[in-house]
């Protein structure tokens, strides 16, 4: 093709001889392709990814967010770097979950989010929006102990107490998935939580006791 032909292809039919800018066919195709790609990518996002994408452009200063905790919407203002654990403890006075290792290792900060057990020290509060969060404070109905909490008392399954809230929440998540466990299953199911006092035997007995009570329908 000649150079003259290439210039004709680049120019829009509406472009004047004076050089006024218009749309080129190649430019139009590039723009259309990019837009289509972006729309397609957005359509493929999951709900969690879409929420995360909304928060990606927020900050670095404090921003307003809403967290659904124990069945109630809680409005607070935090920096995007604040974890779910710190937001609960420092902004909402929900101090049951403990900040111990702060590395997602010990499980003392365990909460349940959308039915899954999570380490709250590894979840950003801004990313927890739109999810149902349950803390140990939400287990007590009208001031009464949940069967798991009561079983921990009955079996003396705690000493210093730092790990206890995390173990109770991990046990709740475990029993929701496996309501009739064996002791071996309890051992493996709670492998993500550590107790420096070494009260593992009491913890396992407590979970087995709670499973029987919960199956009896006394308190789920």
C-alpha atoms as a PDB file:
ATOM      1  CA  UNK A   1       0.000   0.000   0.000  1.00  0.00           C
ATOM      2  CA  UNK A   2       1.136   3.584  -0.674  1.00  0.00           C
ATOM      3  CA  UNK A   3       1.835   6.156   2.034  1.00  0.00           C
ATOM      4  CA  UNK A   4      -1.106   8.153   0.667  1.00  0.00           C
ATOM      5  CA  UNK A   5      -3.419   5.159   1.186  1.00  0.00           C
ATOM      6  CA  UNK A   6      -2.259   4.738   4.814  1.00  0.00           C
ATOM      7  CA  UNK A   7      -3.001   8.376   5.507  1.00  0.00           C
ATOM      8  CA  UNK A   8      -6.489   7.993   4.071  1.00  0.00           C
ATOM      9  CA  UNK A   9      -7.162   4.979   6.290  1.00  0.00           C
ATOM     10  CA  UNK A  10      -6.087   6.908   9.414  1.00  0.00           C
ATOM     11  CA  UNK A  11      -8.311   9.865   8.655  1.00  0.00           C
ATOM     12  CA  UNK A  12     -11.996   9.993   9.374  1.00  0.00           C
ATOM     13  CA  UNK A  13     -14.290  10.817   6.456  1.00  0.00           C
ATOM     14  CA  UNK A  14     -15.372  13.812   8.540  1.00  0.00           C
ATOM     15  CA  UNK A  15     -11.818  15.156   8.988  1.00  0.00           C
ATOM     16  CA  UNK A  16     -11.332  18.366   7.071  1.00  0.00           C
ATOM     17  CA  UNK A  17      -8.428  19.314   4.931  1.00  0.00           C
ATOM     18  CA  UNK A  18      -7.507  21.985   7.464  1.00  0.00           C
ATOM     19  CA  UNK A  19      -6.430  19.259   9.895  1.00  0.00           C
ATOM     20  CA  UNK A  20      -9.321  19.392  12.388  1.00  0.00           C
ATOM     21  CA  UNK A  21      -9.242  16.278  14.521  1.00  0.00           C
ATOM     22  CA  UNK A  22     -11.775  13.517  14.070  1.00  0.00           C
ATOM     23  CA  UNK A  23     -12.141   9.800  14.793  1.00  0.00           C
ATOM     24  CA  UNK A  24      -9.888   7.334  13.063  1.00  0.00           C
ATOM     25  CA  UNK A  25     -10.989   3.811  12.342  1.00  0.00           C
ATOM     26  CA  UNK A  26      -8.029   2.370  14.232  1.00  0.00           C
ATOM     27  CA  UNK A  27      -8.604   4.684  17.183  1.00  0.00           C
ATOM     28  CA  UNK A  28     -12.274   3.726  17.259  1.00  0.00           C
ATOM     29  CA  UNK A  29     -11.456   0.022  17.275  1.00  0.00           C
ATOM     30  CA  UNK A  30      -8.858   0.426  20.013  1.00  0.00           C
ATOM     31  CA  UNK A  31     -11.280   2.398  22.216  1.00  0.00           C
ATOM     32  CA  UNK A  32     -14.158   0.004  21.614  1.00  0.00           C
ATOM     33  CA  UNK A  33     -11.983  -3.018  22.374  1.00  0.00           C
ATOM     34  CA  UNK A  34     -10.703  -1.542  25.628  1.00  0.00           C
ATOM     35  CA  UNK A  35     -14.214  -0.616  26.771  1.00  0.00           C
ATOM     36  CA  UNK A  36     -15.582  -4.050  25.942  1.00  0.00           C
ATOM     37  CA  UNK A  37     -12.698  -5.689  27.793  1.00  0.00           C
ATOM     38  CA  UNK A  38     -13.304  -3.549  30.879  1.00  0.00           C
ATOM     39  CA  UNK A  39     -17.020  -4.337  30.883  1.00  0.00           C
ATOM     40  CA  UNK A  40     -16.311  -8.026  30.473  1.00  0.00           C
ATOM     41  CA  UNK A  41     -13.823  -7.990  33.352  1.00  0.00           C
ATOM     42  CA  UNK A  42     -16.290  -6.220  35.645  1.00  0.00           C
ATOM     43  CA  UNK A  43     -19.002  -8.717  34.781  1.00  0.00           C
ATOM     44  CA  UNK A  44     -16.720 -11.582  35.824  1.00  0.00           C
ATOM     45  CA  UNK A  45     -16.051 -10.180  39.309  1.00  0.00           C
ATOM     46  CA  UNK A  46     -17.530 -12.063  42.237  1.00  0.00           C
ATOM     47  CA  UNK A  47     -19.509 -10.176  44.872  1.00  0.00           C
ATOM     48  CA  UNK A  48     -16.516 -10.184  47.253  1.00  0.00           C
ATOM     49  CA  UNK A  49     -14.184  -8.919  44.504  1.00  0.00           C
ATOM     50  CA  UNK A  50     -16.631  -6.177  43.550  1.00  0.00           C
ATOM     51  CA  UNK A  51     -16.790  -4.952  47.158  1.00  0.00           C
ATOM     52  CA  UNK A  52     -12.998  -5.046  47.383  1.00  0.00           C
ATOM     53  CA  UNK A  53     -12.746  -3.083  44.131  1.00  0.00           C
ATOM     54  CA  UNK A  54     -15.028  -0.403  45.545  1.00  0.00           C
ATOM     55  CA  UNK A  55     -12.737  -0.033  48.550  1.00  0.00           C
ATOM     56  CA  UNK A  56      -9.575  -0.039  46.448  1.00  0.00           C
ATOM     57  CA  UNK A  57      -9.862   3.649  45.654  1.00  0.00           C
ATOM     58  CA  UNK A  58     -10.651   4.784  49.192  1.00  0.00           C
ATOM     59  CA  UNK A  59      -8.248   6.388  51.615  1.00  0.00           C
ATOM     60  CA  UNK A  60      -5.558   6.873  52.716  1.00  0.00           C
ATOM     61  CA  UNK A  61      -7.471   8.886  55.282  1.00  0.00           C
ATOM     62  CA  UNK A  62     -10.338   7.549  57.406  1.00  0.00           C
ATOM     63  CA  UNK A  63     -13.477   6.599  55.485  1.00  0.00           C
ATOM     64  CA  UNK A  64     -17.007   5.706  56.622  1.00  0.00           C
ATOM     65  CA  UNK A  65     -17.910   2.016  56.462  1.00  0.00           C
ATOM     66  CA  UNK A  66     -20.747  -0.191  57.677  1.00  0.00           C
ATOM     67  CA  UNK A  67     -20.206  -3.612  59.221  1.00  0.00           C
ATOM     68  CA  UNK A  68     -22.952  -6.111  59.968  1.00  0.00           C
ATOM     69  CA  UNK A  69     -21.903  -7.569  63.310  1.00  0.00           C
ATOM     70  CA  UNK A  70     -24.046  -9.963  65.315  1.00  0.00           C
ATOM     71  CA  UNK A  71     -27.073  -9.080  63.222  1.00  0.00           C
ATOM     72  CA  UNK A  72     -26.782  -5.299  63.548  1.00  0.00           C
ATOM     73  CA  UNK A  73     -25.331  -2.724  61.179  1.00  0.00           C
ATOM     74  CA  UNK A  74     -22.524  -0.763  62.794  1.00  0.00           C
ATOM     75  CA  UNK A  75     -21.371   2.493  61.210  1.00  0.00           C
ATOM     76  CA  UNK A  76     -17.817   3.608  61.878  1.00  0.00           C
ATOM     77  CA  UNK A  77     -15.001   5.584  60.350  1.00  0.00           C
ATOM     78  CA  UNK A  78     -11.620   3.916  59.935  1.00  0.00           C
ATOM     79  CA  UNK A  79      -8.548   4.088  57.748  1.00  0.00           C
ATOM     80  CA  UNK A  80      -8.523   1.417  55.009  1.00  0.00           C
ATOM     81  CA  UNK A  81      -5.503  -0.236  56.669  1.00  0.00           C
ATOM     82  CA  UNK A  82      -7.444  -1.013  59.885  1.00  0.00           C
ATOM     83  CA  UNK A  83      -8.194  -4.694  60.447  1.00  0.00           C
ATOM     84  CA  UNK A  84     -11.554  -6.121  61.396  1.00  0.00           C
ATOM     85  CA  UNK A  85     -10.077  -7.073  64.781  1.00  0.00           C
ATOM     86  CA  UNK A  86      -8.899  -3.543  65.575  1.00  0.00           C
ATOM     87  CA  UNK A  87     -12.126  -1.998  64.292  1.00  0.00           C
ATOM     88  CA  UNK A  88     -14.156  -4.192  66.643  1.00  0.00           C
ATOM     89  CA  UNK A  89     -11.891  -3.680  69.631  1.00  0.00           C
ATOM     90  CA  UNK A  90     -11.039   0.000  69.244  1.00  0.00           C
ATOM     91  CA  UNK A  91     -14.125   1.428  67.542  1.00  0.00           C
ATOM     92  CA  UNK A  92     -17.012  -0.769  68.632  1.00  0.00           C
ATOM     93  CA  UNK A  93     -15.861  -1.884  72.107  1.00  0.00           C
ATOM     94  CA  UNK A  94     -16.203  -5.556  71.123  1.00  0.00           C
ATOM     95  CA  UNK A  95     -13.134  -6.794  72.964  1.00  0.00           C
ATOM     96  CA  UNK A  96     -13.874 -10.509  73.197  1.00  0.00           C
ATOM     97  CA  UNK A  97     -11.560 -11.386  70.315  1.00  0.00           C
ATOM     98  CA  UNK A  98      -7.978 -10.977  71.475  1.00  0.00           C
ATOM     99  CA  UNK A  99      -4.994  -9.494  69.642  1.00  0.00           C
ATOM    100  CA  UNK A 100      -2.184 -11.874  70.523  1.00  0.00           C
ATOM    101  CA  UNK A 101       0.130 -12.910  67.669  1.00  0.00           C
ATOM    102  CA  UNK A 102      -1.310 -10.429  65.133  1.00  0.00           C
ATOM    103  CA  UNK A 103       0.073 -12.719  62.419  1.00  0.00           C
ATOM    104  CA  UNK A 104      -2.846 -15.060  61.645  1.00  0.00           C
ATOM    105  CA  UNK A 105      -1.268 -17.905  63.589  1.00  0.00           C
ATOM    106  CA  UNK A 106      -2.696 -18.299  67.096  1.00  0.00           C
ATOM    107  CA  UNK A 107      -6.448 -17.981  66.432  1.00  0.00           C
ATOM    108  CA  UNK A 108      -7.182 -15.797  69.486  1.00  0.00           C
ATOM    109  CA  UNK A 109      -8.953 -13.295  67.197  1.00  0.00           C
ATOM    110  CA  UNK A 110     -11.211 -15.875  65.514  1.00  0.00           C
ATOM    111  CA  UNK A 111     -14.586 -14.670  64.247  1.00  0.00           C
ATOM    112  CA  UNK A 112     -17.163 -16.167  61.882  1.00  0.00           C
ATOM    113  CA  UNK A 113     -17.776 -14.291  58.635  1.00  0.00           C
ATOM    114  CA  UNK A 114     -20.443 -15.465  56.199  1.00  0.00           C
ATOM    115  CA  UNK A 115     -20.407 -18.830  57.958  1.00  0.00           C
ATOM    116  CA  UNK A 116     -16.638 -19.282  57.676  1.00  0.00           C
ATOM    117  CA  UNK A 117     -14.071 -19.128  60.459  1.00  0.00           C
ATOM    118  CA  UNK A 118     -11.572 -16.292  59.902  1.00  0.00           C
ATOM    119  CA  UNK A 119      -8.650 -14.689  61.691  1.00  0.00           C
ATOM    120  CA  UNK A 120      -9.896 -11.139  62.220  1.00  0.00           C
ATOM    121  CA  UNK A 121      -6.326  -9.807  62.373  1.00  0.00           C
ATOM    122  CA  UNK A 122      -5.878 -10.734  58.697  1.00  0.00           C
ATOM    123  CA  UNK A 123      -9.142  -9.223  57.398  1.00  0.00           C
ATOM    124  CA  UNK A 124      -9.365  -5.530  56.568  1.00  0.00           C
ATOM    125  CA  UNK A 125     -12.473  -3.936  58.030  1.00  0.00           C
ATOM    126  CA  UNK A 126     -13.190  -2.217  54.721  1.00  0.00           C
ATOM    127  CA  UNK A 127     -13.252  -5.625  53.000  1.00  0.00           C
ATOM    128  CA  UNK A 128     -15.669  -7.052  55.577  1.00  0.00           C
ATOM    129  CA  UNK A 129     -18.483  -4.776  54.414  1.00  0.00           C
ATOM    130  CA  UNK A 130     -21.532  -6.583  53.088  1.00  0.00           C
ATOM    131  CA  UNK A 131     -20.713  -9.734  55.067  1.00  0.00           C
ATOM    132  CA  UNK A 132     -22.372 -11.175  58.160  1.00  0.00           C
ATOM    133  CA  UNK A 133     -19.898 -11.167  61.016  1.00  0.00           C
ATOM    134  CA  UNK A 134     -20.338 -13.010  64.295  1.00  0.00           C
ATOM    135  CA  UNK A 135     -18.177 -12.380  67.351  1.00  0.00           C
ATOM    136  CA  UNK A 136     -18.205 -14.151  70.687  1.00  0.00           C
ATOM    137  CA  UNK A 137     -20.403 -11.355  72.053  1.00  0.00           C
ATOM    138  CA  UNK A 138     -23.095 -12.522  69.637  1.00  0.00           C
ATOM    139  CA  UNK A 139     -23.253 -16.042  71.051  1.00  0.00           C
ATOM    140  CA  UNK A 140     -24.958 -15.101  74.314  1.00  0.00           C
ATOM    141  CA  UNK A 141     -28.732 -14.935  73.809  1.00  0.00           C
ATOM    142  CA  UNK A 142     -30.394 -12.725  76.423  1.00  0.00           C
ATOM    143  CA  UNK A 143     -27.396 -13.039  78.707  1.00  0.00           C
ATOM    144  CA  UNK A 144     -27.382 -16.840  78.709  1.00  0.00           C
ATOM    145  CA  UNK A 145     -24.301 -18.869  77.923  1.00  0.00           C
ATOM    146  CA  UNK A 146     -24.195 -20.598  74.575  1.00  0.00           C
ATOM    147  CA  UNK A 147     -23.797 -24.409  74.999  1.00  0.00           C
ATOM    148  CA  UNK A 148     -20.208 -24.139  73.783  1.00  0.00           C
ATOM    149  CA  UNK A 149     -19.328 -21.427  76.293  1.00  0.00           C
ATOM    150  CA  UNK A 150     -21.035 -23.381  79.065  1.00  0.00           C
ATOM    151  CA  UNK A 151     -19.189 -26.546  78.104  1.00  0.00           C
ATOM    152  CA  UNK A 152     -15.876 -24.673  78.301  1.00  0.00           C
ATOM    153  CA  UNK A 153     -16.781 -23.716  81.864  1.00  0.00           C
ATOM    154  CA  UNK A 154     -17.926 -27.224  82.746  1.00  0.00           C
ATOM    155  CA  UNK A 155     -14.766 -28.822  81.394  1.00  0.00           C
ATOM    156  CA  UNK A 156     -12.409 -26.165  82.794  1.00  0.00           C
ATOM    157  CA  UNK A 157     -11.179 -25.682  79.251  1.00  0.00           C
ATOM    158  CA  UNK A 158      -9.254 -22.481  79.914  1.00  0.00           C
ATOM    159  CA  UNK A 159      -6.619 -20.987  82.184  1.00  0.00           C
ATOM    160  CA  UNK A 160      -5.351 -17.498  81.341  1.00  0.00           C
ATOM    161  CA  UNK A 161      -8.303 -16.924  79.002  1.00  0.00           C
ATOM    162  CA  UNK A 162      -6.561 -15.181  76.113  1.00  0.00           C
ATOM    163  CA  UNK A 163      -7.153 -18.044  73.696  1.00  0.00           C
ATOM    164  CA  UNK A 164     -10.638 -18.944  74.969  1.00  0.00           C
ATOM    165  CA  UNK A 165     -12.790 -16.582  72.821  1.00  0.00           C
ATOM    166  CA  UNK A 166     -11.004 -17.756  69.690  1.00  0.00           C
ATOM    167  CA  UNK A 167     -11.419 -21.397  70.618  1.00  0.00           C
ATOM    168  CA  UNK A 168     -15.125 -20.894  71.346  1.00  0.00           C
ATOM    169  CA  UNK A 169     -15.710 -19.251  67.962  1.00  0.00           C
ATOM    170  CA  UNK A 170     -13.614 -21.853  66.150  1.00  0.00           C
ATOM    171  CA  UNK A 171     -15.627 -24.548  67.923  1.00  0.00           C
ATOM    172  CA  UNK A 172     -18.868 -22.886  66.853  1.00  0.00           C
ATOM    173  CA  UNK A 173     -17.760 -22.831  63.225  1.00  0.00           C
ATOM    174  CA  UNK A 174     -16.545 -26.412  63.464  1.00  0.00           C
ATOM    175  CA  UNK A 175     -19.787 -27.735  64.996  1.00  0.00           C
ATOM    176  CA  UNK A 176     -21.861 -25.856  62.427  1.00  0.00           C
ATOM    177  CA  UNK A 177     -20.074 -27.919  59.779  1.00  0.00           C
ATOM    178  CA  UNK A 178     -19.761 -31.146  61.761  1.00  0.00           C
ATOM    179  CA  UNK A 179     -22.442 -31.426  64.468  1.00  0.00           C
ATOM    180  CA  UNK A 180     -21.527 -35.003  65.450  1.00  0.00           C
ATOM    181  CA  UNK A 181     -17.714 -35.124  65.583  1.00  0.00           C
ATOM    182  CA  UNK A 182     -15.334 -37.689  66.999  1.00  0.00           C
ATOM    183  CA  UNK A 183     -12.511 -36.628  69.282  1.00  0.00           C
ATOM    184  CA  UNK A 184     -10.059 -37.132  66.429  1.00  0.00           C
ATOM    185  CA  UNK A 185     -12.117 -34.838  64.207  1.00  0.00           C
ATOM    186  CA  UNK A 186     -12.187 -32.200  66.943  1.00  0.00           C
ATOM    187  CA  UNK A 187      -8.407 -32.442  67.220  1.00  0.00           C
ATOM    188  CA  UNK A 188      -7.980 -31.752  63.506  1.00  0.00           C
ATOM    189  CA  UNK A 189     -10.864 -29.296  63.257  1.00  0.00           C
ATOM    190  CA  UNK A 190      -9.388 -26.947  65.866  1.00  0.00           C
ATOM    191  CA  UNK A 191      -5.822 -27.245  64.587  1.00  0.00           C
ATOM    192  CA  UNK A 192      -5.757 -23.560  63.666  1.00  0.00           C
ATOM    193  CA  UNK A 193      -5.991 -22.392  67.280  1.00  0.00           C
ATOM    194  CA  UNK A 194      -3.198 -22.474  69.855  1.00  0.00           C
ATOM    195  CA  UNK A 195      -3.315 -22.570  73.671  1.00  0.00           C
ATOM    196  CA  UNK A 196      -0.067 -21.701  75.433  1.00  0.00           C
ATOM    197  CA  UNK A 197      -1.495 -22.971  78.724  1.00  0.00           C
ATOM    198  CA  UNK A 198      -1.973 -26.402  77.130  1.00  0.00           C
ATOM    199  CA  UNK A 199      -5.655 -26.961  77.968  1.00  0.00           C
ATOM    200  CA  UNK A 200      -6.275 -28.929  74.776  1.00  0.00           C
ATOM    201  CA  UNK A 201      -7.814 -31.941  76.512  1.00  0.00           C
ATOM    202  CA  UNK A 202     -10.394 -29.751  78.228  1.00  0.00           C
ATOM    203  CA  UNK A 203     -11.160 -27.976  74.975  1.00  0.00           C
ATOM    204  CA  UNK A 204     -11.813 -31.241  73.155  1.00  0.00           C
ATOM    205  CA  UNK A 205     -14.065 -32.514  75.935  1.00  0.00           C
ATOM    206  CA  UNK A 206     -15.943 -29.215  75.886  1.00  0.00           C
ATOM    207  CA  UNK A 207     -16.591 -29.429  72.141  1.00  0.00           C
ATOM    208  CA  UNK A 208     -17.863 -33.002  72.447  1.00  0.00           C
ATOM    209  CA  UNK A 209     -20.135 -31.996  75.342  1.00  0.00           C
ATOM    210  CA  UNK A 210     -21.475 -29.011  73.416  1.00  0.00           C
ATOM    211  CA  UNK A 211     -22.203 -31.148  70.362  1.00  0.00           C
ATOM    212  CA  UNK A 212     -24.467 -33.406  72.446  1.00  0.00           C
ATOM    213  CA  UNK A 213     -26.294 -30.472  74.019  1.00  0.00           C
ATOM    214  CA  UNK A 214     -26.774 -28.718  70.695  1.00  0.00           C
ATOM    215  CA  UNK A 215     -28.083 -31.887  69.070  1.00  0.00           C
ATOM    216  CA  UNK A 216     -30.619 -32.097  71.880  1.00  0.00           C
ATOM    217  CA  UNK A 217     -32.023 -28.747  70.800  1.00  0.00           C
ATOM    218  CA  UNK A 218     -31.452 -27.033  74.112  1.00  0.00           C
ATOM    219  CA  UNK A 219     -29.657 -24.141  72.460  1.00  0.00           C
ATOM    220  CA  UNK A 220     -28.209 -23.928  68.971  1.00  0.00           C
END
